[in-house]
């Protein structure tokens, strides 16, 4: 990455921005399906979109942070660098663990009688905090 005339942090955030924009395309397709086939309301679609985009950004940030903390610097060709990178596996495991944690917390909140708006507010606030923490980890990374 030394030949690219931007800092490592700028490259990382561009990678996150690109990955998140690709994820948003999938979220939009899902929202269209929810609207057309399941007749979801516009508020529901908006909430699903917003929460989905936040989670997509978080997953992409986590992947970049893991890549920055554990770079694969020794490879013989580009395919090896991508296909044999164990960081993707660690990123997927961590994201699955976070998803399961959110599922259990949301389930418990529903069982305890929390309103849907309260649960959504919790999700939005906590994911935003996680995004900020991961961004801080990326920014504080030493080149």
N, C-alpha and C. Protein backbone atom coordinates (compact mmCIF):
# COMPACT_ATOMS: atom_id res chain seq x y z
N UNK A 1 0.81 -1.19 0.00
CA UNK A 1 0.00 0.00 0.00
C UNK A 1 0.86 1.26 0.00
N UNK A 2 2.16 1.09 -0.06
CA UNK A 2 3.06 2.24 -0.04
C UNK A 2 3.01 3.04 -1.34
N UNK A 3 2.59 2.43 -2.44
CA UNK A 3 2.60 3.13 -3.72
C UNK A 3 1.36 4.01 -3.89
N UNK A 4 0.34 3.83 -3.08
CA UNK A 4 -0.87 4.66 -3.17
C UNK A 4 -0.59 5.95 -2.42
N UNK A 5 -0.86 7.11 -3.03
CA UNK A 5 -0.46 8.38 -2.42
C UNK A 5 -1.40 8.89 -1.32
N UNK A 6 -1.99 7.99 -0.57
CA UNK A 6 -2.87 8.36 0.53
C UNK A 6 -2.44 7.59 1.77
N UNK A 7 -2.78 8.14 2.92
CA UNK A 7 -2.40 7.48 4.16
C UNK A 7 -3.19 6.17 4.30
N UNK A 8 -2.69 5.30 5.16
CA UNK A 8 -3.34 4.01 5.41
C UNK A 8 -4.75 4.22 5.96
N UNK A 9 -4.92 5.23 6.80
CA UNK A 9 -6.25 5.51 7.37
C UNK A 9 -7.23 5.94 6.28
N UNK A 10 -6.78 6.78 5.35
CA UNK A 10 -7.65 7.20 4.26
C UNK A 10 -8.01 6.01 3.37
N UNK A 11 -7.06 5.15 3.11
CA UNK A 11 -7.33 3.95 2.31
C UNK A 11 -8.35 3.06 3.02
N UNK A 12 -8.21 2.93 4.34
CA UNK A 12 -9.11 2.09 5.12
C UNK A 12 -10.55 2.61 5.04
N UNK A 13 -10.71 3.92 5.21
CA UNK A 13 -12.06 4.47 5.19
C UNK A 13 -12.68 4.45 3.79
N UNK A 14 -11.87 4.56 2.76
CA UNK A 14 -12.39 4.43 1.40
C UNK A 14 -12.85 2.98 1.16
N UNK A 15 -12.09 2.03 1.67
CA UNK A 15 -12.48 0.62 1.55
C UNK A 15 -13.81 0.38 2.25
N UNK A 16 -13.98 0.96 3.45
CA UNK A 16 -15.23 0.82 4.19
C UNK A 16 -16.37 1.48 3.43
N UNK A 17 -16.13 2.67 2.89
CA UNK A 17 -17.16 3.39 2.15
C UNK A 17 -17.60 2.59 0.92
N UNK A 18 -16.64 2.04 0.19
CA UNK A 18 -16.97 1.24 -0.99
C UNK A 18 -17.76 -0.02 -0.60
N UNK A 19 -17.28 -0.73 0.41
CA UNK A 19 -17.96 -1.96 0.85
C UNK A 19 -19.37 -1.67 1.34
N UNK A 20 -19.52 -0.59 2.07
CA UNK A 20 -20.83 -0.23 2.60
C UNK A 20 -21.77 0.17 1.47
N UNK A 21 -21.25 0.85 0.46
CA UNK A 21 -22.12 1.22 -0.67
C UNK A 21 -22.60 -0.02 -1.41
N UNK A 22 -21.76 -1.03 -1.53
CA UNK A 22 -22.19 -2.30 -2.14
C UNK A 22 -23.25 -2.96 -1.25
N UNK A 23 -23.05 -2.93 0.05
CA UNK A 23 -24.03 -3.51 0.98
C UNK A 23 -25.37 -2.79 0.90
N UNK A 24 -25.33 -1.48 0.70
CA UNK A 24 -26.57 -0.70 0.62
C UNK A 24 -27.41 -1.16 -0.57
N UNK A 25 -26.75 -1.56 -1.65
CA UNK A 25 -27.51 -2.06 -2.80
C UNK A 25 -28.34 -3.29 -2.41
N UNK A 26 -27.74 -4.19 -1.64
CA UNK A 26 -28.48 -5.36 -1.17
C UNK A 26 -29.60 -4.99 -0.22
N UNK A 27 -29.36 -4.00 0.62
CA UNK A 27 -30.40 -3.55 1.55
C UNK A 27 -31.57 -2.96 0.78
N UNK A 28 -31.29 -2.19 -0.25
CA UNK A 28 -32.35 -1.59 -1.06
C UNK A 28 -33.19 -2.68 -1.73
N UNK A 29 -32.53 -3.70 -2.27
CA UNK A 29 -33.26 -4.80 -2.91
C UNK A 29 -34.14 -5.50 -1.89
N UNK A 30 -33.61 -5.76 -0.69
CA UNK A 30 -34.42 -6.39 0.36
C UNK A 30 -35.62 -5.53 0.73
N UNK A 31 -35.40 -4.23 0.83
CA UNK A 31 -36.51 -3.34 1.19
C UNK A 31 -37.59 -3.33 0.10
N UNK A 32 -37.18 -3.39 -1.15
CA UNK A 32 -38.16 -3.48 -2.23
C UNK A 32 -38.98 -4.77 -2.13
N UNK A 33 -38.30 -5.85 -1.81
CA UNK A 33 -39.01 -7.13 -1.62
C UNK A 33 -39.97 -7.03 -0.45
N UNK A 34 -39.53 -6.43 0.66
CA UNK A 34 -40.41 -6.28 1.82
C UNK A 34 -41.64 -5.44 1.47
N UNK A 35 -41.46 -4.43 0.67
CA UNK A 35 -42.57 -3.55 0.30
C UNK A 35 -43.53 -4.25 -0.67
N UNK A 36 -42.97 -4.85 -1.71
CA UNK A 36 -43.82 -5.42 -2.76
C UNK A 36 -44.50 -6.70 -2.29
N UNK A 37 -43.75 -7.62 -1.70
CA UNK A 37 -44.31 -8.94 -1.38
C UNK A 37 -44.95 -9.01 0.01
N UNK A 38 -44.43 -8.24 0.95
CA UNK A 38 -44.94 -8.33 2.32
C UNK A 38 -45.69 -7.08 2.76
N UNK A 39 -45.77 -6.09 1.86
CA UNK A 39 -46.53 -4.87 2.09
C UNK A 39 -46.13 -4.13 3.38
N UNK A 40 -44.83 -4.06 3.62
CA UNK A 40 -44.35 -3.29 4.77
C UNK A 40 -44.63 -1.81 4.53
N UNK A 41 -44.83 -1.09 5.63
CA UNK A 41 -45.05 0.35 5.54
C UNK A 41 -43.73 1.08 5.31
N UNK A 42 -43.86 2.35 4.94
CA UNK A 42 -42.67 3.14 4.66
C UNK A 42 -41.82 3.38 5.90
N UNK A 43 -42.45 3.50 7.05
CA UNK A 43 -41.68 3.68 8.29
C UNK A 43 -40.89 2.41 8.60
N UNK A 44 -41.51 1.25 8.44
CA UNK A 44 -40.80 -0.01 8.65
C UNK A 44 -39.63 -0.15 7.69
N UNK A 45 -39.86 0.19 6.44
CA UNK A 45 -38.80 0.12 5.43
C UNK A 45 -37.66 1.06 5.81
N UNK A 46 -38.01 2.26 6.26
CA UNK A 46 -36.99 3.22 6.67
C UNK A 46 -36.16 2.72 7.84
N UNK A 47 -36.84 2.15 8.84
CA UNK A 47 -36.12 1.62 10.01
C UNK A 47 -35.22 0.45 9.60
N UNK A 48 -35.75 -0.46 8.79
CA UNK A 48 -34.96 -1.60 8.32
C UNK A 48 -33.74 -1.10 7.55
N UNK A 49 -33.95 -0.13 6.68
CA UNK A 49 -32.83 0.42 5.89
C UNK A 49 -31.78 1.05 6.79
N UNK A 50 -32.21 1.88 7.72
CA UNK A 50 -31.26 2.59 8.58
C UNK A 50 -30.47 1.63 9.46
N UNK A 51 -31.18 0.70 10.10
CA UNK A 51 -30.50 -0.28 10.95
C UNK A 51 -29.58 -1.16 10.10
N UNK A 52 -30.04 -1.57 8.92
CA UNK A 52 -29.22 -2.39 8.04
C UNK A 52 -27.95 -1.69 7.59
N UNK A 53 -28.07 -0.42 7.26
CA UNK A 53 -26.90 0.34 6.83
C UNK A 53 -25.91 0.50 7.97
N UNK A 54 -26.42 0.75 9.18
CA UNK A 54 -25.52 0.87 10.33
C UNK A 54 -24.78 -0.44 10.59
N UNK A 55 -25.50 -1.55 10.55
CA UNK A 55 -24.84 -2.84 10.76
C UNK A 55 -23.86 -3.15 9.64
N UNK A 56 -24.21 -2.84 8.40
CA UNK A 56 -23.28 -3.07 7.28
C UNK A 56 -22.01 -2.25 7.47
N UNK A 57 -22.17 -1.00 7.87
CA UNK A 57 -20.99 -0.16 8.12
C UNK A 57 -20.14 -0.75 9.24
N UNK A 58 -20.80 -1.22 10.32
CA UNK A 58 -20.07 -1.81 11.44
C UNK A 58 -19.30 -3.05 10.99
N UNK A 59 -19.95 -3.93 10.24
CA UNK A 59 -19.27 -5.16 9.78
C UNK A 59 -18.08 -4.82 8.90
N UNK A 60 -18.26 -3.86 8.01
CA UNK A 60 -17.16 -3.47 7.12
C UNK A 60 -16.02 -2.81 7.91
N UNK A 61 -16.35 -2.00 8.88
CA UNK A 61 -15.32 -1.39 9.73
C UNK A 61 -14.55 -2.44 10.52
N UNK A 62 -15.27 -3.43 11.04
CA UNK A 62 -14.62 -4.50 11.79
C UNK A 62 -13.64 -5.25 10.89
N UNK A 63 -14.06 -5.55 9.67
CA UNK A 63 -13.17 -6.24 8.73
C UNK A 63 -11.91 -5.45 8.45
N UNK A 64 -12.05 -4.15 8.25
CA UNK A 64 -10.89 -3.30 7.98
C UNK A 64 -9.99 -3.21 9.22
N UNK A 65 -10.60 -3.08 10.39
CA UNK A 65 -9.80 -3.00 11.62
C UNK A 65 -8.98 -4.28 11.83
N UNK A 66 -9.60 -5.43 11.62
CA UNK A 66 -8.88 -6.69 11.77
C UNK A 66 -7.75 -6.77 10.74
N UNK A 67 -8.02 -6.35 9.51
CA UNK A 67 -6.97 -6.34 8.49
C UNK A 67 -5.81 -5.42 8.87
N UNK A 68 -6.12 -4.31 9.50
CA UNK A 68 -5.07 -3.37 9.89
C UNK A 68 -4.26 -3.91 11.08
N UNK A 69 -4.93 -4.60 11.98
CA UNK A 69 -4.23 -5.13 13.16
C UNK A 69 -3.44 -6.39 12.83
N UNK A 70 -3.90 -7.17 11.85
CA UNK A 70 -3.24 -8.42 11.46
C UNK A 70 -3.04 -8.46 9.94
N UNK A 71 -2.21 -7.60 9.39
CA UNK A 71 -2.06 -7.60 7.93
C UNK A 71 -1.36 -8.86 7.42
N UNK A 72 -1.79 -9.31 6.26
CA UNK A 72 -1.13 -10.44 5.59
C UNK A 72 -0.15 -9.83 4.60
N UNK A 73 1.09 -9.76 5.00
CA UNK A 73 2.10 -9.07 4.21
C UNK A 73 2.93 -10.00 3.34
N UNK A 74 2.90 -11.29 3.64
CA UNK A 74 3.71 -12.23 2.88
C UNK A 74 2.81 -13.09 2.00
N UNK A 75 2.88 -12.86 0.70
CA UNK A 75 2.12 -13.64 -0.26
C UNK A 75 2.86 -13.59 -1.59
N UNK A 76 2.60 -14.61 -2.41
CA UNK A 76 3.31 -14.70 -3.69
C UNK A 76 2.51 -14.11 -4.84
N UNK A 77 1.17 -14.12 -4.74
CA UNK A 77 0.34 -13.50 -5.77
C UNK A 77 -0.92 -12.92 -5.11
N UNK A 78 -1.65 -12.13 -5.88
CA UNK A 78 -2.83 -11.44 -5.35
C UNK A 78 -3.92 -12.41 -4.90
N UNK A 79 -4.06 -13.51 -5.59
CA UNK A 79 -5.09 -14.49 -5.24
C UNK A 79 -4.81 -15.08 -3.86
N UNK A 80 -3.56 -15.38 -3.59
CA UNK A 80 -3.20 -15.91 -2.27
C UNK A 80 -3.50 -14.89 -1.18
N UNK A 81 -3.23 -13.63 -1.45
CA UNK A 81 -3.45 -12.58 -0.46
C UNK A 81 -4.92 -12.47 -0.07
N UNK A 82 -5.80 -12.74 -1.01
CA UNK A 82 -7.23 -12.62 -0.75
C UNK A 82 -7.83 -13.94 -0.28
N UNK A 83 -7.56 -15.01 -0.99
CA UNK A 83 -8.21 -16.30 -0.72
C UNK A 83 -7.70 -16.98 0.55
N UNK A 84 -6.45 -16.76 0.91
CA UNK A 84 -5.89 -17.44 2.07
C UNK A 84 -5.70 -16.51 3.25
N UNK A 85 -6.50 -15.47 3.32
CA UNK A 85 -6.40 -14.52 4.41
C UNK A 85 -7.35 -14.95 5.53
N UNK A 86 -6.80 -15.34 6.66
CA UNK A 86 -7.59 -15.82 7.79
C UNK A 86 -8.34 -14.68 8.48
N UNK A 87 -7.99 -13.44 8.18
CA UNK A 87 -8.67 -12.29 8.79
C UNK A 87 -10.16 -12.25 8.45
N UNK A 88 -10.51 -12.71 7.26
CA UNK A 88 -11.92 -12.75 6.86
C UNK A 88 -12.68 -13.69 7.79
N UNK A 89 -12.09 -14.83 8.10
CA UNK A 89 -12.71 -15.79 9.01
C UNK A 89 -12.93 -15.17 10.39
N UNK A 90 -11.90 -14.49 10.91
CA UNK A 90 -12.03 -13.84 12.23
C UNK A 90 -13.10 -12.76 12.20
N UNK A 91 -13.16 -12.01 11.13
CA UNK A 91 -14.17 -10.95 10.99
C UNK A 91 -15.58 -11.54 10.98
N UNK A 92 -15.76 -12.62 10.23
CA UNK A 92 -17.07 -13.26 10.16
C UNK A 92 -17.47 -13.80 11.53
N UNK A 93 -16.54 -14.46 12.21
CA UNK A 93 -16.85 -14.98 13.55
C UNK A 93 -17.25 -13.88 14.52
N UNK A 94 -16.50 -12.79 14.51
CA UNK A 94 -16.81 -11.68 15.40
C UNK A 94 -18.17 -11.06 15.07
N UNK A 95 -18.46 -10.89 13.79
CA UNK A 95 -19.74 -10.31 13.39
C UNK A 95 -20.91 -11.23 13.73
N UNK A 96 -20.71 -12.53 13.58
CA UNK A 96 -21.75 -13.48 13.98
C UNK A 96 -21.98 -13.42 15.48
N UNK A 97 -20.90 -13.36 16.25
CA UNK A 97 -21.03 -13.27 17.71
C UNK A 97 -21.78 -11.99 18.11
N UNK A 98 -21.47 -10.89 17.48
CA UNK A 98 -22.16 -9.63 17.79
C UNK A 98 -23.64 -9.74 17.41
N UNK A 99 -23.92 -10.34 16.27
CA UNK A 99 -25.32 -10.51 15.83
C UNK A 99 -26.10 -11.38 16.81
N UNK A 100 -25.50 -12.46 17.24
CA UNK A 100 -26.16 -13.34 18.22
C UNK A 100 -26.40 -12.59 19.52
N UNK A 101 -25.42 -11.80 19.93
CA UNK A 101 -25.59 -11.00 21.15
C UNK A 101 -26.75 -10.03 21.02
N UNK A 102 -26.84 -9.34 19.89
CA UNK A 102 -27.96 -8.42 19.68
C UNK A 102 -29.29 -9.16 19.64
N UNK A 103 -29.31 -10.34 19.03
CA UNK A 103 -30.54 -11.13 18.98
C UNK A 103 -31.02 -11.48 20.38
N UNK A 104 -30.10 -11.94 21.24
CA UNK A 104 -30.50 -12.30 22.59
C UNK A 104 -30.92 -11.09 23.41
N UNK A 105 -30.24 -9.98 23.26
CA UNK A 105 -30.63 -8.77 23.99
C UNK A 105 -32.00 -8.29 23.53
N UNK A 106 -32.22 -8.26 22.23
CA UNK A 106 -33.53 -7.83 21.71
C UNK A 106 -34.63 -8.79 22.15
N UNK A 107 -34.35 -10.08 22.16
CA UNK A 107 -35.34 -11.07 22.62
C UNK A 107 -35.69 -10.85 24.08
N UNK A 108 -34.69 -10.63 24.90
CA UNK A 108 -34.93 -10.38 26.32
C UNK A 108 -35.72 -9.09 26.53
N UNK A 109 -35.40 -8.07 25.74
CA UNK A 109 -36.13 -6.81 25.85
C UNK A 109 -37.60 -7.01 25.47
N UNK A 110 -37.87 -7.80 24.43
CA UNK A 110 -39.25 -8.11 24.05
C UNK A 110 -39.97 -8.89 25.15
N UNK A 111 -39.29 -9.87 25.73
CA UNK A 111 -39.88 -10.67 26.79
C UNK A 111 -40.21 -9.83 28.02
N UNK A 112 -39.40 -8.81 28.25
CA UNK A 112 -39.61 -7.95 29.42
C UNK A 112 -40.55 -6.78 29.12
N UNK A 113 -41.19 -6.78 27.97
CA UNK A 113 -42.22 -5.81 27.67
C UNK A 113 -41.74 -4.47 27.14
N UNK A 114 -40.51 -4.39 26.67
CA UNK A 114 -40.03 -3.14 26.07
C UNK A 114 -40.79 -2.89 24.76
N UNK A 115 -41.07 -1.64 24.48
CA UNK A 115 -41.74 -1.28 23.23
C UNK A 115 -40.75 -1.41 22.07
N UNK A 116 -41.30 -1.60 20.88
CA UNK A 116 -40.46 -1.75 19.69
C UNK A 116 -39.58 -0.52 19.50
N UNK A 117 -40.11 0.65 19.75
CA UNK A 117 -39.34 1.88 19.61
C UNK A 117 -38.14 1.92 20.55
N UNK A 118 -38.33 1.41 21.77
CA UNK A 118 -37.22 1.36 22.73
C UNK A 118 -36.12 0.41 22.26
N UNK A 119 -36.53 -0.72 21.71
CA UNK A 119 -35.56 -1.70 21.23
C UNK A 119 -34.80 -1.14 20.03
N UNK A 120 -35.51 -0.49 19.13
CA UNK A 120 -34.86 0.11 17.97
C UNK A 120 -33.89 1.21 18.40
N UNK A 121 -34.31 2.01 19.37
CA UNK A 121 -33.43 3.07 19.89
C UNK A 121 -32.18 2.48 20.50
N UNK A 122 -32.34 1.41 21.28
CA UNK A 122 -31.18 0.72 21.85
C UNK A 122 -30.24 0.23 20.74
N UNK A 123 -30.82 -0.42 19.72
CA UNK A 123 -30.00 -0.92 18.61
C UNK A 123 -29.23 0.21 17.94
N UNK A 124 -29.94 1.27 17.60
CA UNK A 124 -29.30 2.38 16.90
C UNK A 124 -28.19 3.01 17.73
N UNK A 125 -28.47 3.28 19.00
CA UNK A 125 -27.46 3.92 19.85
C UNK A 125 -26.25 3.02 20.07
N UNK A 126 -26.50 1.75 20.38
CA UNK A 126 -25.38 0.86 20.67
C UNK A 126 -24.54 0.58 19.42
N UNK A 127 -25.18 0.44 18.27
CA UNK A 127 -24.41 0.22 17.04
C UNK A 127 -23.60 1.46 16.70
N UNK A 128 -24.18 2.64 16.90
CA UNK A 128 -23.42 3.88 16.65
C UNK A 128 -22.20 3.96 17.58
N UNK A 129 -22.37 3.56 18.83
CA UNK A 129 -21.24 3.56 19.77
C UNK A 129 -20.17 2.57 19.30
N UNK A 130 -20.59 1.39 18.88
CA UNK A 130 -19.63 0.40 18.37
C UNK A 130 -18.91 0.93 17.12
N UNK A 131 -19.64 1.59 16.24
CA UNK A 131 -19.03 2.17 15.04
C UNK A 131 -17.96 3.18 15.44
N UNK A 132 -18.29 4.05 16.40
CA UNK A 132 -17.33 5.06 16.85
C UNK A 132 -16.09 4.41 17.48
N UNK A 133 -16.31 3.35 18.25
CA UNK A 133 -15.17 2.65 18.88
C UNK A 133 -14.26 2.00 17.82
N UNK A 134 -14.86 1.37 16.83
CA UNK A 134 -14.06 0.74 15.78
C UNK A 134 -13.34 1.81 14.96
N UNK A 135 -14.03 2.92 14.67
CA UNK A 135 -13.36 4.03 13.95
C UNK A 135 -12.19 4.55 14.75
N UNK A 136 -12.36 4.66 16.05
CA UNK A 136 -11.26 5.11 16.91
C UNK A 136 -10.09 4.13 16.82
N UNK A 137 -10.39 2.83 16.79
CA UNK A 137 -9.34 1.83 16.64
C UNK A 137 -8.60 1.96 15.32
N UNK A 138 -9.33 2.27 14.26
CA UNK A 138 -8.70 2.44 12.95
C UNK A 138 -7.84 3.69 12.93
N UNK A 139 -8.37 4.78 13.46
CA UNK A 139 -7.64 6.05 13.46
C UNK A 139 -6.40 5.97 14.34
N UNK A 140 -6.49 5.25 15.45
CA UNK A 140 -5.34 5.17 16.37
C UNK A 140 -4.28 4.17 15.92
N UNK A 141 -4.56 3.44 14.84
CA UNK A 141 -3.59 2.44 14.34
C UNK A 141 -2.32 3.14 13.86
N UNK A 142 -1.20 2.62 14.26
CA UNK A 142 0.09 3.18 13.85
C UNK A 142 0.50 2.57 12.52
N UNK A 143 0.91 3.42 11.58
CA UNK A 143 1.34 2.93 10.26
C UNK A 143 2.72 2.35 10.33
